[in-house]
């Protein structure tokens, strides 16, 4: 009972975000089982104008499991948290991605716990 396996990926270095292009920050390869996923990224608005900042956890290369959009003021800096559950039948990539017009992402991480089951409510 409980959690059996923990998978983690982390990237502390900064990554430039430009032109609202989705940028992969970290990636996990998950194997068979039910997974609880947690993601985090620190993002800076770096161009002096108000803009949207987007973060998401994806699977199957482009299917969102969770997504957050923040309206960032001129010099906004904030931490975005994400979470999701995912039943995996074989091996599946899961990524944490961000985008904004002009910004910086750093301290990105994905944390996955394989659990006994998922009970959507």
Protein backbone atom coordinates (compact mmCIF):
# COMPACT_ATOMS: atom_id res chain seq x y z
CA UNK A 1 0.00 0.00 0.00
CA UNK A 2 1.06 3.60 -0.55
CA UNK A 3 3.79 4.96 -2.77
CA UNK A 4 6.22 2.48 -4.30
CA UNK A 5 8.46 4.50 -6.59
CA UNK A 6 9.48 8.14 -6.82
CA UNK A 7 10.74 9.66 -10.08
CA UNK A 8 12.21 13.16 -10.15
CA UNK A 9 13.68 15.57 -12.69
CA UNK A 10 15.14 18.97 -11.88
CA UNK A 11 16.72 21.86 -13.76
CA UNK A 12 18.11 24.72 -11.68
CA UNK A 13 19.74 26.69 -14.50
CA UNK A 14 17.78 29.45 -16.19
CA UNK A 15 16.12 29.09 -19.60
CA UNK A 16 15.09 31.99 -21.85
CA UNK A 17 11.40 32.10 -22.80
CA UNK A 18 10.63 33.99 -26.03
CA UNK A 19 7.72 34.62 -28.40
CA UNK A 20 5.22 32.43 -26.50
CA UNK A 21 7.02 29.33 -27.84
CA UNK A 22 6.51 26.32 -25.55
CA UNK A 23 9.86 25.45 -23.97
CA UNK A 24 10.50 22.06 -22.38
CA UNK A 25 12.17 22.50 -19.01
CA UNK A 26 12.23 18.97 -17.55
CA UNK A 27 11.15 15.49 -18.65
CA UNK A 28 10.37 12.20 -16.90
CA UNK A 29 9.88 8.76 -18.43
CA UNK A 30 7.23 6.94 -16.40
CA UNK A 31 6.61 3.20 -16.54
CA UNK A 32 3.49 1.11 -15.93
CA UNK A 33 1.34 2.25 -13.00
CA UNK A 34 -0.77 5.04 -11.57
CA UNK A 35 1.15 8.25 -10.92
CA UNK A 36 0.61 11.43 -8.90
CA UNK A 37 2.57 14.29 -10.52
CA UNK A 38 3.79 17.56 -9.02
CA UNK A 39 5.57 20.32 -10.91
CA UNK A 40 7.10 23.66 -10.00
CA UNK A 41 8.85 26.47 -11.86
CA UNK A 42 10.03 29.97 -10.99
CA UNK A 43 9.27 32.42 -13.83
CA UNK A 44 10.26 36.05 -14.43
CA UNK A 45 8.60 38.58 -16.73
CA UNK A 46 11.69 40.08 -18.32
CA UNK A 47 10.52 42.70 -20.83
CA UNK A 48 8.88 45.49 -18.82
CA UNK A 49 5.36 44.99 -20.23
CA UNK A 50 2.41 43.09 -18.78
CA UNK A 51 2.04 39.65 -20.36
CA UNK A 52 0.70 36.15 -19.86
CA UNK A 53 2.95 33.43 -18.42
CA UNK A 54 1.93 29.82 -19.05
CA UNK A 55 3.12 26.59 -17.43
CA UNK A 56 1.87 23.05 -18.04
CA UNK A 57 2.48 19.37 -17.45
CA UNK A 58 2.09 17.38 -20.70
CA UNK A 59 2.04 13.73 -21.69
CA UNK A 60 2.02 12.05 -25.12
CA UNK A 61 4.21 14.93 -26.30
CA UNK A 62 1.41 17.53 -26.30
CA UNK A 63 -1.63 16.51 -24.21
CA UNK A 64 -2.05 18.77 -21.15
CA UNK A 65 -2.60 17.19 -17.75
CA UNK A 66 -2.54 20.52 -15.87
CA UNK A 67 -1.98 24.10 -16.99
CA UNK A 68 -1.76 27.47 -15.25
CA UNK A 69 -1.86 30.90 -16.86
CA UNK A 70 -0.76 33.97 -14.88
CA UNK A 71 -1.15 37.64 -15.83
CA UNK A 72 2.33 38.95 -15.09
CA UNK A 73 2.90 42.65 -14.46
CA UNK A 74 6.04 44.47 -15.65
CA UNK A 75 8.63 43.00 -13.28
CA UNK A 76 6.62 40.06 -11.97
CA UNK A 77 8.45 37.04 -10.59
CA UNK A 78 6.56 34.06 -9.23
CA UNK A 79 6.49 30.36 -8.58
CA UNK A 80 3.92 28.29 -10.49
CA UNK A 81 2.81 24.96 -9.04
CA UNK A 82 1.13 22.19 -11.05
CA UNK A 83 -0.30 18.79 -10.19
CA UNK A 84 -2.01 15.92 -11.98
CA UNK A 85 -2.63 12.18 -11.95
CA UNK A 86 -1.85 9.81 -14.80
CA UNK A 87 -2.46 6.10 -15.36
CA UNK A 88 0.39 4.74 -17.51
CA UNK A 89 -0.07 1.50 -19.50
CA UNK A 90 3.51 1.12 -20.81
CA UNK A 91 6.26 3.79 -20.80
CA UNK A 92 5.26 7.41 -21.18
CA UNK A 93 7.12 10.72 -21.34
CA UNK A 94 5.85 13.55 -19.12
CA UNK A 95 7.20 17.09 -19.51
CA UNK A 96 6.99 20.45 -17.74
CA UNK A 97 6.85 23.32 -20.24
CA UNK A 98 6.55 27.12 -20.03
CA UNK A 99 6.04 30.02 -22.35
CA UNK A 100 5.74 33.80 -22.29
CA UNK A 101 6.63 36.64 -24.64
CA UNK A 102 9.98 37.46 -23.01
CA UNK A 103 10.97 35.90 -19.73
CA UNK A 104 13.14 33.50 -17.79
CA UNK A 105 12.30 30.15 -16.18
CA UNK A 106 14.47 28.46 -13.56
CA UNK A 107 14.34 25.93 -10.72
CA UNK A 108 11.95 23.72 -12.68
CA UNK A 109 11.12 20.32 -11.24
CA UNK A 110 8.81 17.37 -11.79
CA UNK A 111 8.12 14.86 -9.02
CA UNK A 112 6.12 11.66 -9.63
CA UNK A 113 4.89 9.11 -7.09
CA UNK A 114 3.58 5.73 -8.24
CA UNK A 115 0.48 5.07 -6.15
CA UNK A 116 -1.87 2.11 -5.59
CA UNK A 117 -4.69 3.67 -7.57
CA UNK A 118 -6.41 6.83 -8.78
CA UNK A 119 -10.02 7.57 -7.81
CA UNK A 120 -11.25 10.58 -9.83
CA UNK A 121 -14.03 12.39 -7.95
